[in-house]
Amino acid sequence: MKYELGRCLLQERLEERGMSREALAGELRYKPERLADYIENKRLMPLKTAISIADTVGCTVNELYELLPAESGRPR
């Protein structure tokens, strides 16, 4: 099955772990603004970044975004 990315769920994962954006940014040496862009769906996380974030937060990469079934009827 094909999926499309929905909204970013990073803020929810952080809240579940009691972690702040600033703490995550500091641990990964990212600017907090960069994480805010992901959380606010202004930018999409590159795979390498998503893997690093997921590992640090303690979730899977799939848990960082809503996964929506792709519309059917599109050519494969």
PDB file of N, CA and C in Angstrom:
ATOM      1  N   MET A   1       0.842  -1.175   0.000  1.00  0.00           N
ATOM      2  CA  MET A   1       0.000   0.000   0.000  1.00  0.00           C
ATOM      3  C   MET A   1       0.893   1.247   0.000  1.00  0.00           C
ATOM      4  N   LYS A   2       0.478   2.254  -0.740  1.00  0.00           N
ATOM      5  CA  LYS A   2       1.209   3.512  -0.806  1.00  0.00           C
ATOM      6  C   LYS A   2       0.638   4.487   0.218  1.00  0.00           C
ATOM      7  N   TYR A   3       1.526   5.292   0.783  1.00  0.00           N
ATOM      8  CA  TYR A   3       1.120   6.274   1.783  1.00  0.00           C
ATOM      9  C   TYR A   3       1.611   7.663   1.413  1.00  0.00           C
ATOM     10  N   GLU A   4       0.905   8.648   1.922  1.00  0.00           N
ATOM     11  CA  GLU A   4       1.326  10.039   1.845  1.00  0.00           C
ATOM     12  C   GLU A   4       1.535  10.512   3.278  1.00  0.00           C
ATOM     13  N   LEU A   5       2.439  11.460   3.447  1.00  0.00           N
ATOM     14  CA  LEU A   5       2.672  11.994   4.783  1.00  0.00           C
ATOM     15  C   LEU A   5       1.609  13.027   5.132  1.00  0.00           C
ATOM     16  N   GLY A   6       1.053  12.869   6.307  1.00  0.00           N
ATOM     17  CA  GLY A   6       0.137  13.867   6.850  1.00  0.00           C
ATOM     18  C   GLY A   6       0.930  14.832   7.716  1.00  0.00           C
ATOM     19  N   ARG A   7       0.314  15.273   8.792  1.00  0.00           N
ATOM     20  CA  ARG A   7       0.989  16.252   9.642  1.00  0.00           C
ATOM     21  C   ARG A   7       2.078  15.599  10.487  1.00  0.00           C
ATOM     22  N   CYS A   8       3.041  16.409  10.877  1.00  0.00           N
ATOM     23  CA  CYS A   8       4.147  15.966  11.712  1.00  0.00           C
ATOM     24  C   CYS A   8       3.631  15.729  13.129  1.00  0.00           C
ATOM     25  N   LEU A   9       4.062  14.628  13.742  1.00  0.00           N
ATOM     26  CA  LEU A   9       3.646  14.265  15.093  1.00  0.00           C
ATOM     27  C   LEU A   9       4.778  14.412  16.113  1.00  0.00           C
ATOM     28  N   LEU A  10       5.823  15.138  15.740  1.00  0.00           N
ATOM     29  CA  LEU A  10       6.979  15.272  16.631  1.00  0.00           C
ATOM     30  C   LEU A  10       6.594  15.902  17.962  1.00  0.00           C
ATOM     31  N   GLN A  11       5.777  16.938  17.958  1.00  0.00           N
ATOM     32  CA  GLN A  11       5.396  17.578  19.218  1.00  0.00           C
ATOM     33  C   GLN A  11       4.706  16.577  20.144  1.00  0.00           C
ATOM     34  N   GLU A  12       3.848  15.736  19.603  1.00  0.00           N
ATOM     35  CA  GLU A  12       3.172  14.718  20.403  1.00  0.00           C
ATOM     36  C   GLU A  12       4.163  13.727  20.992  1.00  0.00           C
ATOM     37  N   ARG A  13       5.149  13.297  20.186  1.00  0.00           N
ATOM     38  CA  ARG A  13       6.161  12.362  20.681  1.00  0.00           C
ATOM     39  C   ARG A  13       6.989  13.008  21.794  1.00  0.00           C
ATOM     40  N   LEU A  14       7.326  14.287  21.634  1.00  0.00           N
ATOM     41  CA  LEU A  14       8.082  14.991  22.678  1.00  0.00           C
ATOM     42  C   LEU A  14       7.284  15.066  23.973  1.00  0.00           C
ATOM     43  N   GLU A  15       6.007  15.407  23.864  1.00  0.00           N
ATOM     44  CA  GLU A  15       5.155  15.512  25.054  1.00  0.00           C
ATOM     45  C   GLU A  15       5.026  14.170  25.759  1.00  0.00           C
ATOM     46  N   GLU A  16       4.904  13.093  24.999  1.00  0.00           N
ATOM     47  CA  GLU A  16       4.810  11.756  25.591  1.00  0.00           C
ATOM     48  C   GLU A  16       6.056  11.405  26.402  1.00  0.00           C
ATOM     49  N   ARG A  17       7.186  11.910  25.970  1.00  0.00           N
ATOM     50  CA  ARG A  17       8.457  11.605  26.640  1.00  0.00           C
ATOM     51  C   ARG A  17       8.870  12.682  27.645  1.00  0.00           C
ATOM     52  N   GLY A  18       8.068  13.747  27.754  1.00  0.00           N
ATOM     53  CA  GLY A  18       8.410  14.830  28.672  1.00  0.00           C
ATOM     54  C   GLY A  18       9.667  15.573  28.252  1.00  0.00           C
ATOM     55  N   MET A  19       9.861  15.692  26.958  1.00  0.00           N
ATOM     56  CA  MET A  19      11.061  16.330  26.402  1.00  0.00           C
ATOM     57  C   MET A  19      10.663  17.616  25.693  1.00  0.00           C
ATOM     58  N   SER A  20      11.485  18.632  25.801  1.00  0.00           N
ATOM     59  CA  SER A  20      11.197  19.900  25.128  1.00  0.00           C
ATOM     60  C   SER A  20      11.889  19.953  23.769  1.00  0.00           C
ATOM     61  N   ARG A  21      11.407  20.853  22.941  1.00  0.00           N
ATOM     62  CA  ARG A  21      12.055  21.075  21.634  1.00  0.00           C
ATOM     63  C   ARG A  21      13.498  21.502  21.836  1.00  0.00           C
ATOM     64  N   GLU A  22      13.702  22.365  22.829  1.00  0.00           N
ATOM     65  CA  GLU A  22      15.042  22.896  23.101  1.00  0.00           C
ATOM     66  C   GLU A  22      16.000  21.784  23.519  1.00  0.00           C
ATOM     67  N   ALA A  23      15.509  20.853  24.346  1.00  0.00           N
ATOM     68  CA  ALA A  23      16.350  19.730  24.780  1.00  0.00           C
ATOM     69  C   ALA A  23      16.725  18.846  23.589  1.00  0.00           C
ATOM     70  N   LEU A  24      15.749  18.560  22.734  1.00  0.00           N
ATOM     71  CA  LEU A  24      16.025  17.749  21.544  1.00  0.00           C
ATOM     72  C   LEU A  24      16.997  18.466  20.618  1.00  0.00           C
ATOM     73  N   ALA A  25      16.760  19.745  20.409  1.00  0.00           N
ATOM     74  CA  ALA A  25      17.649  20.531  19.540  1.00  0.00           C
ATOM     75  C   ALA A  25      19.077  20.524  20.085  1.00  0.00           C
ATOM     76  N   GLY A  26      19.222  20.698  21.386  1.00  0.00           N
ATOM     77  CA  GLY A  26      20.551  20.696  21.994  1.00  0.00           C
ATOM     78  C   GLY A  26      21.248  19.361  21.858  1.00  0.00           C
ATOM     79  N   GLU A  27      20.494  18.286  22.061  1.00  0.00           N
ATOM     80  CA  GLU A  27      21.071  16.949  21.974  1.00  0.00           C
ATOM     81  C   GLU A  27      21.546  16.624  20.567  1.00  0.00           C
ATOM     82  N   LEU A  28      20.793  17.088  19.559  1.00  0.00           N
ATOM     83  CA  LEU A  28      21.142  16.794  18.168  1.00  0.00           C
ATOM     84  C   LEU A  28      21.966  17.898  17.508  1.00  0.00           C
ATOM     85  N   ARG A  29      22.153  18.999  18.245  1.00  0.00           N
ATOM     86  CA  ARG A  29      22.877  20.168  17.721  1.00  0.00           C
ATOM     87  C   ARG A  29      22.169  20.785  16.516  1.00  0.00           C
ATOM     88  N   TYR A  30      20.837  20.841  16.624  1.00  0.00           N
ATOM     89  CA  TYR A  30      20.006  21.513  15.621  1.00  0.00           C
ATOM     90  C   TYR A  30      19.524  22.823  16.228  1.00  0.00           C
ATOM     91  N   LYS A  31      19.184  23.762  15.374  1.00  0.00           N
ATOM     92  CA  LYS A  31      18.552  24.985  15.855  1.00  0.00           C
ATOM     93  C   LYS A  31      17.103  24.666  16.208  1.00  0.00           C
ATOM     94  N   PRO A  32      16.600  25.197  17.333  1.00  0.00           N
ATOM     95  CA  PRO A  32      15.194  24.947  17.692  1.00  0.00           C
ATOM     96  C   PRO A  32      14.225  25.379  16.590  1.00  0.00           C
ATOM     97  N   GLU A  33      14.595  26.392  15.826  1.00  0.00           N
ATOM     98  CA  GLU A  33      13.744  26.869  14.737  1.00  0.00           C
ATOM     99  C   GLU A  33      13.556  25.797  13.669  1.00  0.00           C
ATOM    100  N   ARG A  34      14.590  24.999  13.458  1.00  0.00           N
ATOM    101  CA  ARG A  34      14.509  23.912  12.477  1.00  0.00           C
ATOM    102  C   ARG A  34      13.458  22.891  12.915  1.00  0.00           C
ATOM    103  N   LEU A  35      13.478  22.529  14.202  1.00  0.00           N
ATOM    104  CA  LEU A  35      12.475  21.591  14.714  1.00  0.00           C
ATOM    105  C   LEU A  35      11.085  22.206  14.644  1.00  0.00           C
ATOM    106  N   ALA A  36      10.982  23.499  14.942  1.00  0.00           N
ATOM    107  CA  ALA A  36       9.684  24.180  14.860  1.00  0.00           C
ATOM    108  C   ALA A  36       9.139  24.115  13.440  1.00  0.00           C
ATOM    109  N   ASP A  37      10.000  24.261  12.442  1.00  0.00           N
ATOM    110  CA  ASP A  37       9.560  24.165  11.041  1.00  0.00           C
ATOM    111  C   ASP A  37       8.987  22.792  10.732  1.00  0.00           C
ATOM    112  N   TYR A  38       9.594  21.738  11.275  1.00  0.00           N
ATOM    113  CA  TYR A  38       9.054  20.394  11.065  1.00  0.00           C
ATOM    114  C   TYR A  38       7.703  20.255  11.760  1.00  0.00           C
ATOM    115  N   ILE A  39       7.652  20.672  13.018  1.00  0.00           N
ATOM    116  CA  ILE A  39       6.433  20.534  13.821  1.00  0.00           C
ATOM    117  C   ILE A  39       5.276  21.313  13.205  1.00  0.00           C
ATOM    118  N   GLU A  40       5.572  22.476  12.650  1.00  0.00           N
ATOM    119  CA  GLU A  40       4.538  23.325  12.051  1.00  0.00           C
ATOM    120  C   GLU A  40       4.292  22.994  10.579  1.00  0.00           C
ATOM    121  N   ASN A  41       4.874  21.902  10.100  1.00  0.00           N
ATOM    122  CA  ASN A  41       4.713  21.431   8.721  1.00  0.00           C
ATOM    123  C   ASN A  41       5.161  22.443   7.676  1.00  0.00           C
ATOM    124  N   LYS A  42       6.167  23.240   8.022  1.00  0.00           N
ATOM    125  CA  LYS A  42       6.743  24.172   7.057  1.00  0.00           C
ATOM    126  C   LYS A  42       7.846  23.501   6.243  1.00  0.00           C
ATOM    127  N   ARG A  43       8.449  22.470   6.814  1.00  0.00           N
ATOM    128  CA  ARG A  43       9.495  21.696   6.143  1.00  0.00           C
ATOM    129  C   ARG A  43       9.272  20.226   6.428  1.00  0.00           C
ATOM    130  N   LEU A  44       9.693  19.391   5.502  1.00  0.00           N
ATOM    131  CA  LEU A  44       9.635  17.946   5.667  1.00  0.00           C
ATOM    132  C   LEU A  44      10.998  17.468   6.167  1.00  0.00           C
ATOM    133  N   MET A  45      11.002  16.561   7.111  1.00  0.00           N
ATOM    134  CA  MET A  45      12.274  16.032   7.618  1.00  0.00           C
ATOM    135  C   MET A  45      12.939  15.149   6.572  1.00  0.00           C
ATOM    136  N   PRO A  46      14.210  15.391   6.297  1.00  0.00           N
ATOM    137  CA  PRO A  46      14.940  14.421   5.477  1.00  0.00           C
ATOM    138  C   PRO A  46      15.041  13.108   6.251  1.00  0.00           C
ATOM    139  N   LEU A  47      15.179  11.999   5.561  1.00  0.00           N
ATOM    140  CA  LEU A  47      15.200  10.686   6.197  1.00  0.00           C
ATOM    141  C   LEU A  47      16.296  10.600   7.265  1.00  0.00           C
ATOM    142  N   LYS A  48      17.470  11.070   6.962  1.00  0.00           N
ATOM    143  CA  LYS A  48      18.585  11.007   7.913  1.00  0.00           C
ATOM    144  C   LYS A  48      18.228  11.760   9.200  1.00  0.00           C
ATOM    145  N   THR A  49      17.593  12.907   9.074  1.00  0.00           N
ATOM    146  CA  THR A  49      17.167  13.691  10.226  1.00  0.00           C
ATOM    147  C   THR A  49      16.084  12.951  10.996  1.00  0.00           C
ATOM    148  N   ALA A  50      15.107  12.384  10.285  1.00  0.00           N
ATOM    149  CA  ALA A  50      14.021  11.649  10.933  1.00  0.00           C
ATOM    150  C   ALA A  50      14.566  10.463  11.721  1.00  0.00           C
ATOM    151  N   ILE A  51      15.561   9.774  11.193  1.00  0.00           N
ATOM    152  CA  ILE A  51      16.167   8.638  11.894  1.00  0.00           C
ATOM    153  C   ILE A  51      16.843   9.115  13.174  1.00  0.00           C
ATOM    154  N   SER A  52      17.587  10.209  13.098  1.00  0.00           N
ATOM    155  CA  SER A  52      18.265  10.756  14.279  1.00  0.00           C
ATOM    156  C   SER A  52      17.264  11.207  15.337  1.00  0.00           C
ATOM    157  N   ILE A  53      16.214  11.889  14.905  1.00  0.00           N
ATOM    158  CA  ILE A  53      15.188  12.361  15.834  1.00  0.00           C
ATOM    159  C   ILE A  53      14.480  11.182  16.482  1.00  0.00           C
ATOM    160  N   ALA A  54      14.064  10.211  15.682  1.00  0.00           N
ATOM    161  CA  ALA A  54      13.356   9.048  16.211  1.00  0.00           C
ATOM    162  C   ALA A  54      14.218   8.297  17.226  1.00  0.00           C
ATOM    163  N   ASP A  55      15.481   8.121  16.925  1.00  0.00           N
ATOM    164  CA  ASP A  55      16.390   7.425  17.836  1.00  0.00           C
ATOM    165  C   ASP A  55      16.531   8.187  19.153  1.00  0.00           C
ATOM    166  N   THR A  56      16.645   9.494  19.077  1.00  0.00           N
ATOM    167  CA  THR A  56      16.822  10.320  20.269  1.00  0.00           C
ATOM    168  C   THR A  56      15.549  10.380  21.106  1.00  0.00           C
ATOM    169  N   VAL A  57      14.413  10.479  20.444  1.00  0.00           N
ATOM    170  CA  VAL A  57      13.125  10.591  21.149  1.00  0.00           C
ATOM    171  C   VAL A  57      12.652   9.224  21.643  1.00  0.00           C
ATOM    172  N   GLY A  58      13.095   8.150  21.003  1.00  0.00           N
ATOM    173  CA  GLY A  58      12.693   6.809  21.409  1.00  0.00           C
ATOM    174  C   GLY A  58      11.416   6.345  20.748  1.00  0.00           C
ATOM    175  N   CYS A  59      11.308   6.622  19.456  1.00  0.00           N
ATOM    176  CA  CYS A  59      10.155   6.156  18.694  1.00  0.00           C
ATOM    177  C   CYS A  59      10.659   5.655  17.345  1.00  0.00           C
ATOM    178  N   THR A  60       9.740   5.226  16.494  1.00  0.00           N
ATOM    179  CA  THR A  60      10.127   4.817  15.149  1.00  0.00           C
ATOM    180  C   THR A  60       9.931   6.007  14.203  1.00  0.00           C
ATOM    181  N   VAL A  61      10.559   5.940  13.066  1.00  0.00           N
ATOM    182  CA  VAL A  61      10.403   6.990  12.058  1.00  0.00           C
ATOM    183  C   VAL A  61       8.936   7.114  11.655  1.00  0.00           C
ATOM    184  N   ASN A  62       8.238   5.996  11.555  1.00  0.00           N
ATOM    185  CA  ASN A  62       6.814   6.019  11.183  1.00  0.00           C
ATOM    186  C   ASN A  62       5.958   6.778  12.178  1.00  0.00           C
ATOM    187  N   GLU A  63       6.403   6.893  13.413  1.00  0.00           N
ATOM    188  CA  GLU A  63       5.632   7.584  14.443  1.00  0.00           C
ATOM    189  C   GLU A  63       5.831   9.100  14.429  1.00  0.00           C
ATOM    190  N   LEU A  64       6.638   9.591  13.502  1.00  0.00           N
ATOM    191  CA  LEU A  64       6.896  11.035  13.432  1.00  0.00           C
ATOM    192  C   LEU A  64       5.916  11.776  12.526  1.00  0.00           C
ATOM    193  N   TYR A  65       5.180  11.050  11.698  1.00  0.00           N
ATOM    194  CA  TYR A  65       4.204  11.660  10.789  1.00  0.00           C
ATOM    195  C   TYR A  65       2.935  10.825  10.751  1.00  0.00           C
ATOM    196  N   GLU A  66       1.826  11.477  10.502  1.00  0.00           N
ATOM    197  CA  GLU A  66       0.611  10.739  10.175  1.00  0.00           C
ATOM    198  C   GLU A  66       0.858  10.084   8.821  1.00  0.00           C
ATOM    199  N   LEU A  67       0.446   8.839   8.682  1.00  0.00           N
ATOM    200  CA  LEU A  67       0.565   8.152   7.403  1.00  0.00           C
ATOM    201  C   LEU A  67      -0.837   7.974   6.845  1.00  0.00           C
ATOM    202  N   LEU A  68      -1.079   8.593   5.707  1.00  0.00           N
ATOM    203  CA  LEU A  68      -2.393   8.577   5.077  1.00  0.00           C
ATOM    204  C   LEU A  68      -2.353   7.704   3.828  1.00  0.00           C
ATOM    205  N   PRO A  69      -3.329   6.829   3.649  1.00  0.00           N
ATOM    206  CA  PRO A  69      -3.352   6.028   2.430  1.00  0.00           C
ATOM    207  C   PRO A  69      -3.395   6.948   1.207  1.00  0.00           C
ATOM    208  N   ALA A  70      -2.562   6.623   0.224  1.00  0.00           N
ATOM    209  CA  ALA A  70      -2.557   7.407  -1.016  1.00  0.00           C
ATOM    210  C   ALA A  70      -3.871   7.198  -1.727  1.00  0.00           C
ATOM    211  N   GLU A  71      -4.286   8.223  -2.433  1.00  0.00           N
ATOM    212  CA  GLU A  71      -5.556   8.124  -3.171  1.00  0.00           C
ATOM    213  C   GLU A  71      -5.460   6.994  -4.182  1.00  0.00           C
ATOM    214  N   SER A  72      -6.522   6.201  -4.242  1.00  0.00           N
ATOM    215  CA  SER A  72      -6.548   5.112  -5.212  1.00  0.00           C
ATOM    216  C   SER A  72      -6.890   5.684  -6.583  1.00  0.00           C
ATOM    217  N   GLY A  73      -6.595   4.929  -7.582  1.00  0.00           N
ATOM    218  CA  GLY A  73      -6.886   5.371  -8.939  1.00  0.00           C
ATOM    219  C   GLY A  73      -5.700   6.007  -9.630  1.00  0.00           C
ATOM    220  N   ARG A  74      -4.655   6.237  -8.887  1.00  0.00           N
ATOM    221  CA  ARG A  74      -3.451   6.773  -9.511  1.00  0.00           C
ATOM    222  C   ARG A  74      -2.676   5.652 -10.182  1.00  0.00           C
ATOM    223  N   PRO A  75      -2.019   5.945 -11.284  1.00  0.00           N
ATOM    224  CA  PRO A  75      -1.185   4.906 -11.923  1.00  0.00           C
ATOM    225  C   PRO A  75      -0.040   4.518 -11.016  1.00  0.00           C
ATOM    226  N   ARG A  76       0.323   3.265 -11.037  1.00  0.00           N
ATOM    227  CA  ARG A  76       1.426   2.783 -10.188  1.00  0.00           C
ATOM    228  C   ARG A  76       2.736   2.860 -10.877  1.00  0.00           C
TER     229      ARG A  76
END
